[in-house]
Amino acid sequence: MRANLAVLSLAMLLGAASTPAQNTTQGLPQPGPMSLAPGYSAANCSGFFTDQKVPEETRLISGEQSEYKITFARGDYVYINRGQDQGVRVGDRFMVVRHEQDPLTDNVNWFKWQPKLIKQMGTAYLDAGQVRVVNVQPKVSIAEVIFSCNYMQRGDILRPYVERPAPPYKDATTFDHFAPVSGKPVGTLVIGFDYAESYGQNSTVFVNLGAVQGIKVGDYVRVFRYQGEKGETAPQTADYQYKMWGFGSAPQKYSPKELPREVLGEAIVLNVSRNSSTVLVTFSSAEMYAGDYAEIE
């Protein structure tokens, strides 16, 4: 009896182990369970591009233990170059940002138009975190770092805190791998957070769609590409979309846009500037790259 029960238990375990972990429909990966909205860090640490002037009068100038600390993080006390005479009060809260530039941007580009699109989006800023003022003196103030996205350093810019909403996710199971063209504005995945060039689920990416194009926080963009385009710097086989030497060819030539577009996934908009937006990839059926297209859903 015990032997029979052991055999039955083993069979049940093997059966459970062989059950596919990923839901599929017609061989395509499908979105799995996810939280109801982006987390606090996703909304407040995503960074942004802007072509508008960011006020730089308020700066982080130093901090405690500055004789050996070159950076500051959560729990540290930092010094601000404005105090009671400039209207700073105990309890004031600031977001800490700094201008960020990839040292390789001017020399290495993933796709043909990348430098031009980055310039059109404006200046890139990194979100370093948040501080709250705990002591005010006439010319300077002391603030505690209450939230860290990245390290803070001397010279970082402080902006008055503005809450960033975390818009709700839509039902991930409604993703349409063969979605038709929406007819709404189309932009490009220009570059990713920390200057990444390839993206998947939970990646943060900067897109050249902004308020001017009618996009807003909480909107979704659909990411897609046309096979056979050659704007990337990565080497490709010419005309691979309809012929591959040694592995067959179509009876006639097809340009990239004569074949169905490949829908790669979708992303939710977290932050919007005039000519750019920050998006979070919520689902990807294949790897995305800088240079792929994004249309407003």
C-alpha atoms as a PDB file:
ATOM      1  CA  MET A   1       0.000   0.000   0.000  1.00  0.00           C
ATOM      2  CA  ARG A   2       2.767   2.417   0.977  1.00  0.00           C
ATOM      3  CA  ALA A   3       4.616   1.570  -2.254  1.00  0.00           C
ATOM      4  CA  ASN A   4       1.503   2.339  -4.315  1.00  0.00           C
ATOM      5  CA  LEU A   5       1.038   5.681  -2.532  1.00  0.00           C
ATOM      6  CA  ALA A   6       4.689   6.573  -3.135  1.00  0.00           C
ATOM      7  CA  VAL A   7       4.363   5.793  -6.851  1.00  0.00           C
ATOM      8  CA  LEU A   8       1.144   7.850  -7.075  1.00  0.00           C
ATOM      9  CA  SER A   9       2.752  10.808  -5.283  1.00  0.00           C
ATOM     10  CA  LEU A  10       5.784  10.677  -7.579  1.00  0.00           C
ATOM     11  CA  ALA A  11       3.536  10.641 -10.651  1.00  0.00           C
ATOM     12  CA  MET A  12       1.626  13.684  -9.388  1.00  0.00           C
ATOM     13  CA  LEU A  13       4.867  15.570  -8.732  1.00  0.00           C
ATOM     14  CA  LEU A  14       6.221  14.743 -12.181  1.00  0.00           C
ATOM     15  CA  GLY A  15       2.950  15.826 -13.763  1.00  0.00           C
ATOM     16  CA  ALA A  16       3.043  19.149 -11.927  1.00  0.00           C
ATOM     17  CA  ALA A  17       6.664  19.692 -12.901  1.00  0.00           C
ATOM     18  CA  SER A  18       5.872  19.139 -16.580  1.00  0.00           C
ATOM     19  CA  THR A  19       3.074  21.722 -16.609  1.00  0.00           C
ATOM     20  CA  PRO A  20       4.182  24.778 -18.669  1.00  0.00           C
ATOM     21  CA  ALA A  21       5.003  27.747 -16.430  1.00  0.00           C
ATOM     22  CA  GLN A  22       4.027  30.290 -19.090  1.00  0.00           C
ATOM     23  CA  ASN A  23       0.579  30.685 -20.574  1.00  0.00           C
ATOM     24  CA  THR A  24       0.668  30.622 -24.372  1.00  0.00           C
ATOM     25  CA  THR A  25      -1.843  31.154 -27.148  1.00  0.00           C
ATOM     26  CA  GLN A  26      -0.950  29.925 -30.620  1.00  0.00           C
ATOM     27  CA  GLY A  27       2.660  29.655 -29.480  1.00  0.00           C
ATOM     28  CA  LEU A  28       2.921  33.329 -28.449  1.00  0.00           C
ATOM     29  CA  PRO A  29       3.961  34.369 -24.918  1.00  0.00           C
ATOM     30  CA  GLN A  30       1.136  35.913 -22.964  1.00  0.00           C
ATOM     31  CA  PRO A  31       1.230  38.468 -20.136  1.00  0.00           C
ATOM     32  CA  GLY A  32       1.290  36.963 -16.670  1.00  0.00           C
ATOM     33  CA  PRO A  33      -0.093  38.300 -13.378  1.00  0.00           C
ATOM     34  CA  MET A  34       1.189  41.740 -12.369  1.00  0.00           C
ATOM     35  CA  SER A  35       0.637  44.388  -9.719  1.00  0.00           C
ATOM     36  CA  LEU A  36      -2.117  46.991 -10.042  1.00  0.00           C
ATOM     37  CA  ALA A  37       0.187  49.952 -10.751  1.00  0.00           C
ATOM     38  CA  PRO A  38       3.876  50.869 -11.057  1.00  0.00           C
ATOM     39  CA  GLY A  39       5.661  50.974  -7.711  1.00  0.00           C
ATOM     40  CA  TYR A  40       6.798  54.163  -5.985  1.00  0.00           C
ATOM     41  CA  SER A  41      10.365  53.732  -7.205  1.00  0.00           C
ATOM     42  CA  ALA A  42       9.264  53.185 -10.805  1.00  0.00           C
ATOM     43  CA  ALA A  43       7.316  56.447 -10.777  1.00  0.00           C
ATOM     44  CA  ASN A  44       9.847  58.554  -8.878  1.00  0.00           C
ATOM     45  CA  CYS A  45      13.188  57.198 -10.086  1.00  0.00           C
ATOM     46  CA  SER A  46      12.544  57.021 -13.828  1.00  0.00           C
ATOM     47  CA  GLY A  47      14.360  60.195 -14.870  1.00  0.00           C
ATOM     48  CA  PHE A  48      13.248  62.514 -17.666  1.00  0.00           C
ATOM     49  CA  PHE A  49      14.236  64.550 -20.711  1.00  0.00           C
ATOM     50  CA  THR A  50      13.121  68.150 -21.117  1.00  0.00           C
ATOM     51  CA  ASP A  51      13.781  70.939 -23.587  1.00  0.00           C
ATOM     52  CA  GLN A  52      12.653  73.509 -21.003  1.00  0.00           C
ATOM     53  CA  LYS A  53      15.013  75.301 -18.618  1.00  0.00           C
ATOM     54  CA  VAL A  54      15.246  73.563 -15.231  1.00  0.00           C
ATOM     55  CA  PRO A  55      15.843  76.146 -12.460  1.00  0.00           C
ATOM     56  CA  GLU A  56      19.271  75.523 -10.926  1.00  0.00           C
ATOM     57  CA  GLU A  57      19.390  78.111  -8.140  1.00  0.00           C
ATOM     58  CA  THR A  58      18.884  75.584  -5.330  1.00  0.00           C
ATOM     59  CA  ARG A  59      21.770  73.140  -4.976  1.00  0.00           C
ATOM     60  CA  LEU A  60      23.112  70.466  -2.686  1.00  0.00           C
ATOM     61  CA  ILE A  61      26.481  71.891  -1.624  1.00  0.00           C
ATOM     62  CA  SER A  62      27.845  69.470   0.984  1.00  0.00           C
ATOM     63  CA  GLY A  63      26.857  67.274   3.910  1.00  0.00           C
ATOM     64  CA  GLU A  64      27.929  65.733   7.193  1.00  0.00           C
ATOM     65  CA  GLN A  65      31.173  63.708   7.179  1.00  0.00           C
ATOM     66  CA  SER A  66      32.121  65.487   3.966  1.00  0.00           C
ATOM     67  CA  GLU A  67      35.817  65.008   4.765  1.00  0.00           C
ATOM     68  CA  TYR A  68      35.487  61.438   3.507  1.00  0.00           C
ATOM     69  CA  LYS A  69      32.026  61.166   1.933  1.00  0.00           C
ATOM     70  CA  ILE A  70      31.924  61.852  -1.770  1.00  0.00           C
ATOM     71  CA  THR A  71      28.304  60.765  -2.144  1.00  0.00           C
ATOM     72  CA  PHE A  72      25.195  60.846   0.053  1.00  0.00           C
ATOM     73  CA  ALA A  73      22.271  58.434   0.437  1.00  0.00           C
ATOM     74  CA  ARG A  74      19.194  57.748   2.547  1.00  0.00           C
ATOM     75  CA  GLY A  75      19.629  58.758   6.188  1.00  0.00           C
ATOM     76  CA  ASP A  76      22.454  61.217   5.501  1.00  0.00           C
ATOM     77  CA  TYR A  77      22.223  64.914   6.325  1.00  0.00           C
ATOM     78  CA  VAL A  78      23.071  67.228   3.449  1.00  0.00           C
ATOM     79  CA  TYR A  79      23.492  70.990   3.155  1.00  0.00           C
ATOM     80  CA  ILE A  80      21.498  73.232   0.817  1.00  0.00           C
ATOM     81  CA  ASN A  81      22.695  76.622  -0.443  1.00  0.00           C
ATOM     82  CA  ARG A  82      19.462  78.412   0.512  1.00  0.00           C
ATOM     83  CA  GLY A  83      18.083  79.215   3.951  1.00  0.00           C
ATOM     84  CA  GLN A  84      15.626  81.343   5.857  1.00  0.00           C
ATOM     85  CA  ASP A  85      16.549  84.464   3.914  1.00  0.00           C
ATOM     86  CA  GLN A  86      15.454  82.719   0.695  1.00  0.00           C
ATOM     87  CA  GLY A  87      12.175  81.424   2.164  1.00  0.00           C
ATOM     88  CA  VAL A  88      13.208  77.863   3.057  1.00  0.00           C
ATOM     89  CA  ARG A  89      11.274  76.391   5.981  1.00  0.00           C
ATOM     90  CA  VAL A  90      11.596  73.270   8.140  1.00  0.00           C
ATOM     91  CA  GLY A  91       9.585  70.490   6.533  1.00  0.00           C
ATOM     92  CA  ASP A  92      10.128  71.655   2.954  1.00  0.00           C
ATOM     93  CA  ARG A  93      10.632  68.699   0.643  1.00  0.00           C
ATOM     94  CA  PHE A  94      12.745  68.656  -2.497  1.00  0.00           C
ATOM     95  CA  MET A  95      13.417  66.287  -5.363  1.00  0.00           C
ATOM     96  CA  VAL A  96      17.109  65.912  -6.201  1.00  0.00           C
ATOM     97  CA  VAL A  97      18.087  65.666  -9.875  1.00  0.00           C
ATOM     98  CA  ARG A  98      21.195  66.134 -11.975  1.00  0.00           C
ATOM     99  CA  HIS A  99      22.056  66.504 -15.610  1.00  0.00           C
ATOM    100  CA  GLU A 100      23.266  63.224 -17.059  1.00  0.00           C
ATOM    101  CA  GLN A 101      25.112  62.609 -20.303  1.00  0.00           C
ATOM    102  CA  ASP A 102      26.385  59.338 -21.704  1.00  0.00           C
ATOM    103  CA  PRO A 103      30.099  59.780 -22.550  1.00  0.00           C
ATOM    104  CA  LEU A 104      29.605  57.512 -25.580  1.00  0.00           C
ATOM    105  CA  THR A 105      26.584  59.311 -27.062  1.00  0.00           C
ATOM    106  CA  ASP A 106      28.610  61.577 -29.344  1.00  0.00           C
ATOM    107  CA  ASN A 107      30.611  58.692 -30.809  1.00  0.00           C
ATOM    108  CA  VAL A 108      28.498  55.529 -30.661  1.00  0.00           C
ATOM    109  CA  ASN A 109      24.849  55.409 -31.741  1.00  0.00           C
ATOM    110  CA  TRP A 110      22.509  52.462 -31.938  1.00  0.00           C
ATOM    111  CA  PHE A 111      20.453  53.750 -34.865  1.00  0.00           C
ATOM    112  CA  LYS A 112      20.917  56.375 -37.548  1.00  0.00           C
ATOM    113  CA  TRP A 113      18.767  59.204 -36.158  1.00  0.00           C
ATOM    114  CA  GLN A 114      19.494  58.725 -32.455  1.00  0.00           C
ATOM    115  CA  PRO A 115      21.676  61.851 -31.874  1.00  0.00           C
ATOM    116  CA  LYS A 116      19.145  64.076 -33.640  1.00  0.00           C
ATOM    117  CA  LEU A 117      16.187  62.713 -31.650  1.00  0.00           C
ATOM    118  CA  ILE A 118      18.047  62.987 -28.335  1.00  0.00           C
ATOM    119  CA  LYS A 119      18.800  66.631 -29.113  1.00  0.00           C
ATOM    120  CA  GLN A 120      15.138  67.290 -29.935  1.00  0.00           C
ATOM    121  CA  MET A 121      13.997  65.760 -26.637  1.00  0.00           C
ATOM    122  CA  GLY A 122      16.317  68.087 -24.719  1.00  0.00           C
ATOM    123  CA  THR A 123      18.494  67.527 -21.668  1.00  0.00           C
ATOM    124  CA  ALA A 124      18.506  64.258 -19.724  1.00  0.00           C
ATOM    125  CA  TYR A 125      18.073  64.402 -15.947  1.00  0.00           C
ATOM    126  CA  LEU A 126      18.566  61.595 -13.454  1.00  0.00           C
ATOM    127  CA  ASP A 127      16.343  61.321 -10.369  1.00  0.00           C
ATOM    128  CA  ALA A 128      18.647  60.951  -7.368  1.00  0.00           C
ATOM    129  CA  GLY A 129      15.980  60.965  -4.643  1.00  0.00           C
ATOM    130  CA  GLN A 130      14.281  63.264  -2.149  1.00  0.00           C
ATOM    131  CA  VAL A 131      15.281  65.315   0.897  1.00  0.00           C
ATOM    132  CA  ARG A 132      13.336  67.020   3.704  1.00  0.00           C
ATOM    133  CA  VAL A 133      14.577  70.154   5.492  1.00  0.00           C
ATOM    134  CA  VAL A 134      15.163  69.597   9.227  1.00  0.00           C
ATOM    135  CA  ASN A 135      17.068  72.757  10.176  1.00  0.00           C
ATOM    136  CA  VAL A 136      17.099  76.255   8.673  1.00  0.00           C
ATOM    137  CA  GLN A 137      19.813  78.880   9.083  1.00  0.00           C
ATOM    138  CA  PRO A 138      19.931  82.341   7.490  1.00  0.00           C
ATOM    139  CA  LYS A 139      21.893  81.391   4.368  1.00  0.00           C
ATOM    140  CA  VAL A 140      21.900  77.569   4.323  1.00  0.00           C
ATOM    141  CA  SER A 141      19.711  74.671   5.382  1.00  0.00           C
ATOM    142  CA  ILE A 142      20.211  71.091   6.549  1.00  0.00           C
ATOM    143  CA  ALA A 143      18.063  68.355   5.012  1.00  0.00           C
ATOM    144  CA  GLU A 144      17.742  64.626   5.585  1.00  0.00           C
ATOM    145  CA  VAL A 145      17.827  62.274   2.618  1.00  0.00           C
ATOM    146  CA  ILE A 146      14.490  60.463   2.992  1.00  0.00           C
ATOM    147  CA  PHE A 147      14.403  58.556  -0.300  1.00  0.00           C
ATOM    148  CA  SER A 148      17.200  57.416  -2.601  1.00  0.00           C
ATOM    149  CA  CYS A 149      17.069  56.426  -6.242  1.00  0.00           C
ATOM    150  CA  ASN A 150      20.775  56.945  -6.836  1.00  0.00           C
ATOM    151  CA  TYR A 151      23.660  58.501  -4.979  1.00  0.00           C
ATOM    152  CA  MET A 152      23.608  62.268  -4.401  1.00  0.00           C
ATOM    153  CA  GLN A 153      26.650  64.491  -4.785  1.00  0.00           C
ATOM    154  CA  ARG A 154      27.746  68.090  -4.424  1.00  0.00           C
ATOM    155  CA  GLY A 155      26.196  70.318  -7.065  1.00  0.00           C
ATOM    156  CA  ASP A 156      22.993  68.298  -7.534  1.00  0.00           C
ATOM    157  CA  ILE A 157      19.899  70.374  -8.335  1.00  0.00           C
ATOM    158  CA  LEU A 158      16.958  70.596  -5.916  1.00  0.00           C
ATOM    159  CA  ARG A 159      13.425  71.135  -7.170  1.00  0.00           C
ATOM    160  CA  PRO A 160      10.282  71.593  -5.046  1.00  0.00           C
ATOM    161  CA  TYR A 161       8.665  68.197  -4.525  1.00  0.00           C
ATOM    162  CA  VAL A 162       5.798  67.396  -6.869  1.00  0.00           C
ATOM    163  CA  GLU A 163       3.995  64.110  -6.428  1.00  0.00           C
ATOM    164  CA  ARG A 164       4.264  61.825  -9.430  1.00  0.00           C
ATOM    165  CA  PRO A 165       1.173  59.683  -9.916  1.00  0.00           C
ATOM    166  CA  ALA A 166       1.488  55.945 -10.460  1.00  0.00           C
ATOM    167  CA  PRO A 167      -1.229  55.347 -13.083  1.00  0.00           C
ATOM    168  CA  PRO A 168      -3.067  52.023 -12.911  1.00  0.00           C
ATOM    169  CA  TYR A 169      -2.107  49.211 -15.259  1.00  0.00           C
ATOM    170  CA  LYS A 170      -4.692  48.027 -17.734  1.00  0.00           C
ATOM    171  CA  ASP A 171      -5.577  44.353 -17.929  1.00  0.00           C
ATOM    172  CA  ALA A 172      -2.408  42.721 -19.295  1.00  0.00           C
ATOM    173  CA  THR A 173      -4.344  39.864 -20.863  1.00  0.00           C
ATOM    174  CA  THR A 174      -5.875  42.270 -23.403  1.00  0.00           C
ATOM    175  CA  PHE A 175      -2.524  42.658 -25.206  1.00  0.00           C
ATOM    176  CA  ASP A 176      -3.077  42.177 -28.954  1.00  0.00           C
ATOM    177  CA  HIS A 177      -0.053  40.734 -30.757  1.00  0.00           C
ATOM    178  CA  PHE A 178      -1.648  41.591 -34.110  1.00  0.00           C
ATOM    179  CA  ALA A 179      -3.092  44.999 -33.209  1.00  0.00           C
ATOM    180  CA  PRO A 180      -3.955  47.192 -36.213  1.00  0.00           C
ATOM    181  CA  VAL A 181      -2.448  50.647 -36.649  1.00  0.00           C
ATOM    182  CA  SER A 182      -4.028  53.040 -34.134  1.00  0.00           C
ATOM    183  CA  GLY A 183      -3.787  56.107 -36.368  1.00  0.00           C
ATOM    184  CA  LYS A 184      -2.394  58.123 -33.458  1.00  0.00           C
ATOM    185  CA  PRO A 185       1.047  59.777 -33.299  1.00  0.00           C
ATOM    186  CA  VAL A 186       4.052  57.490 -33.712  1.00  0.00           C
ATOM    187  CA  GLY A 187       7.438  58.047 -32.063  1.00  0.00           C
ATOM    188  CA  THR A 188      10.616  56.119 -31.408  1.00  0.00           C
ATOM    189  CA  LEU A 189      12.237  54.360 -28.483  1.00  0.00           C
ATOM    190  CA  VAL A 190      15.152  56.790 -28.458  1.00  0.00           C
ATOM    191  CA  ILE A 191      17.215  55.593 -25.510  1.00  0.00           C
ATOM    192  CA  GLY A 192      16.706  53.775 -22.237  1.00  0.00           C
ATOM    193  CA  PHE A 193      17.329  54.467 -18.581  1.00  0.00           C
ATOM    194  CA  ASP A 194      21.070  54.532 -17.871  1.00  0.00           C
ATOM    195  CA  TYR A 195      21.531  54.766 -21.663  1.00  0.00           C
ATOM    196  CA  ALA A 196      20.505  51.162 -22.294  1.00  0.00           C
ATOM    197  CA  GLU A 197      19.874  50.192 -25.920  1.00  0.00           C
ATOM    198  CA  SER A 198      17.836  46.968 -25.430  1.00  0.00           C
ATOM    199  CA  TYR A 199      14.680  46.579 -23.341  1.00  0.00           C
ATOM    200  CA  GLY A 200      12.196  44.097 -21.924  1.00  0.00           C
ATOM    201  CA  GLN A 201       9.480  43.990 -19.285  1.00  0.00           C
ATOM    202  CA  ASN A 202      10.034  46.587 -16.501  1.00  0.00           C
ATOM    203  CA  SER A 203      12.577  48.558 -18.583  1.00  0.00           C
ATOM    204  CA  THR A 204      12.348  52.360 -18.478  1.00  0.00           C
ATOM    205  CA  VAL A 205      12.663  54.023 -21.888  1.00  0.00           C
ATOM    206  CA  PHE A 206      12.539  57.591 -23.212  1.00  0.00           C
ATOM    207  CA  VAL A 207      10.279  58.175 -26.240  1.00  0.00           C
ATOM    208  CA  ASN A 208      10.080  61.285 -28.453  1.00  0.00           C
ATOM    209  CA  LEU A 209       6.344  61.665 -27.864  1.00  0.00           C
ATOM    210  CA  GLY A 210       5.360  64.442 -25.481  1.00  0.00           C
ATOM    211  CA  ALA A 211       2.624  66.882 -24.579  1.00  0.00           C
ATOM    212  CA  VAL A 212       2.912  68.462 -28.023  1.00  0.00           C
ATOM    213  CA  GLN A 213       1.865  65.122 -29.536  1.00  0.00           C
ATOM    214  CA  GLY A 214      -1.009  64.767 -27.071  1.00  0.00           C
ATOM    215  CA  ILE A 215       0.421  62.037 -24.856  1.00  0.00           C
ATOM    216  CA  LYS A 216      -0.272  62.091 -21.110  1.00  0.00           C
ATOM    217  CA  VAL A 217       0.572  60.164 -17.952  1.00  0.00           C
ATOM    218  CA  GLY A 218      -1.294  56.844 -17.863  1.00  0.00           C
ATOM    219  CA  ASP A 219      -1.492  56.447 -21.640  1.00  0.00           C
ATOM    220  CA  TYR A 220      -0.111  53.315 -23.262  1.00  0.00           C
ATOM    221  CA  VAL A 221       2.197  53.072 -26.250  1.00  0.00           C
ATOM    222  CA  ARG A 222       2.405  50.025 -28.509  1.00  0.00           C
ATOM    223  CA  VAL A 223       5.944  49.072 -29.537  1.00  0.00           C
ATOM    224  CA  PHE A 224       6.551  47.606 -32.989  1.00  0.00           C
ATOM    225  CA  ARG A 225       9.078  47.307 -35.803  1.00  0.00           C
ATOM    226  CA  TYR A 226       9.213  46.680 -39.534  1.00  0.00           C
ATOM    227  CA  GLN A 227      11.457  43.784 -40.491  1.00  0.00           C
ATOM    228  CA  GLY A 228      14.220  44.693 -42.926  1.00  0.00           C
ATOM    229  CA  GLU A 229      14.848  48.314 -41.990  1.00  0.00           C
ATOM    230  CA  LYS A 230      18.562  49.074 -41.718  1.00  0.00           C
ATOM    231  CA  GLY A 231      18.876  52.140 -39.535  1.00  0.00           C
ATOM    232  CA  GLU A 232      20.683  50.193 -36.784  1.00  0.00           C
ATOM    233  CA  THR A 233      24.436  50.144 -36.453  1.00  0.00           C
ATOM    234  CA  ALA A 234      24.344  46.381 -35.781  1.00  0.00           C
ATOM    235  CA  PRO A 235      25.286  44.409 -38.916  1.00  0.00           C
ATOM    236  CA  GLN A 236      22.364  42.821 -40.743  1.00  0.00           C
ATOM    237  CA  THR A 237      21.851  40.602 -43.739  1.00  0.00           C
ATOM    238  CA  ALA A 238      20.385  42.705 -46.547  1.00  0.00           C
ATOM    239  CA  ASP A 239      16.774  41.906 -47.469  1.00  0.00           C
ATOM    240  CA  TYR A 240      16.547  39.192 -44.809  1.00  0.00           C
ATOM    241  CA  GLN A 241      12.821  39.868 -44.462  1.00  0.00           C
ATOM    242  CA  TYR A 242      12.043  38.004 -47.701  1.00  0.00           C
ATOM    243  CA  LYS A 243      15.163  35.994 -48.571  1.00  0.00           C
ATOM    244  CA  MET A 244      17.948  34.229 -46.733  1.00  0.00           C
ATOM    245  CA  TRP A 245      20.750  32.643 -48.711  1.00  0.00           C
ATOM    246  CA  GLY A 246      20.615  28.874 -48.357  1.00  0.00           C
ATOM    247  CA  PHE A 247      17.254  28.931 -46.566  1.00  0.00           C
ATOM    248  CA  GLY A 248      14.754  29.947 -49.208  1.00  0.00           C
ATOM    249  CA  SER A 249      13.286  33.127 -50.617  1.00  0.00           C
ATOM    250  CA  ALA A 250       9.921  34.614 -51.487  1.00  0.00           C
ATOM    251  CA  PRO A 251       8.935  34.717 -55.187  1.00  0.00           C
ATOM    252  CA  GLN A 252       9.270  38.502 -55.216  1.00  0.00           C
ATOM    253  CA  LYS A 253      10.953  41.314 -53.310  1.00  0.00           C
ATOM    254  CA  TYR A 254       9.160  42.823 -50.302  1.00  0.00           C
ATOM    255  CA  SER A 255      10.124  46.129 -48.725  1.00  0.00           C
ATOM    256  CA  PRO A 256       9.853  46.362 -44.916  1.00  0.00           C
ATOM    257  CA  LYS A 257       6.497  48.149 -44.888  1.00  0.00           C
ATOM    258  CA  GLU A 258       4.934  45.756 -47.418  1.00  0.00           C
ATOM    259  CA  LEU A 259       4.996  43.019 -44.783  1.00  0.00           C
ATOM    260  CA  PRO A 260       3.040  42.982 -41.502  1.00  0.00           C
ATOM    261  CA  ARG A 261       4.645  44.949 -38.721  1.00  0.00           C
ATOM    262  CA  GLU A 262       5.857  42.992 -35.704  1.00  0.00           C
ATOM    263  CA  VAL A 263       4.146  44.114 -32.489  1.00  0.00           C
ATOM    264  CA  LEU A 264       6.694  43.668 -29.702  1.00  0.00           C
ATOM    265  CA  GLY A 265       4.854  44.804 -26.591  1.00  0.00           C
ATOM    266  CA  GLU A 266       3.500  47.846 -24.826  1.00  0.00           C
ATOM    267  CA  ALA A 267       4.467  50.395 -22.184  1.00  0.00           C
ATOM    268  CA  ILE A 268       2.727  52.766 -19.800  1.00  0.00           C
ATOM    269  CA  VAL A 269       3.557  56.476 -19.685  1.00  0.00           C
ATOM    270  CA  LEU A 270       4.981  57.616 -16.314  1.00  0.00           C
ATOM    271  CA  ASN A 271       6.242  61.135 -17.025  1.00  0.00           C
ATOM    272  CA  VAL A 272       5.624  63.668 -19.798  1.00  0.00           C
ATOM    273  CA  SER A 273       7.606  66.686 -20.969  1.00  0.00           C
ATOM    274  CA  ARG A 274       6.966  68.923 -23.968  1.00  0.00           C
ATOM    275  CA  ASN A 275       8.686  66.718 -26.556  1.00  0.00           C
ATOM    276  CA  SER A 276       9.368  63.494 -24.682  1.00  0.00           C
ATOM    277  CA  SER A 277       7.926  60.993 -22.270  1.00  0.00           C
ATOM    278  CA  THR A 278       9.224  58.342 -19.905  1.00  0.00           C
ATOM    279  CA  VAL A 279       7.585  54.942 -20.336  1.00  0.00           C
ATOM    280  CA  LEU A 280       7.751  51.661 -18.431  1.00  0.00           C
ATOM    281  CA  VAL A 281       7.570  48.471 -20.507  1.00  0.00           C
ATOM    282  CA  THR A 282       4.713  46.378 -19.081  1.00  0.00           C
ATOM    283  CA  PHE A 283       4.888  43.490 -21.551  1.00  0.00           C
ATOM    284  CA  SER A 284       7.292  42.339 -24.263  1.00  0.00           C
ATOM    285  CA  SER A 285       6.953  39.343 -26.559  1.00  0.00           C
ATOM    286  CA  ALA A 286      10.512  39.832 -27.856  1.00  0.00           C
ATOM    287  CA  GLU A 287      13.488  42.023 -27.086  1.00  0.00           C
ATOM    288  CA  MET A 288      13.031  45.689 -27.958  1.00  0.00           C
ATOM    289  CA  TYR A 289      15.791  47.998 -29.166  1.00  0.00           C
ATOM    290  CA  ALA A 290      16.448  51.708 -29.463  1.00  0.00           C
ATOM    291  CA  GLY A 291      15.050  52.674 -32.856  1.00  0.00           C
ATOM    292  CA  ASP A 292      11.887  50.579 -32.588  1.00  0.00           C
ATOM    293  CA  TYR A 293       8.616  52.469 -33.046  1.00  0.00           C
ATOM    294  CA  ALA A 294       6.048  53.460 -30.408  1.00  0.00           C
ATOM    295  CA  GLU A 295       2.490  54.517 -31.256  1.00  0.00           C
ATOM    296  CA  ILE A 296      -0.052  55.921 -28.825  1.00  0.00           C
ATOM    297  CA  GLU A 297      -2.767  53.327 -28.273  1.00  0.00           C
END
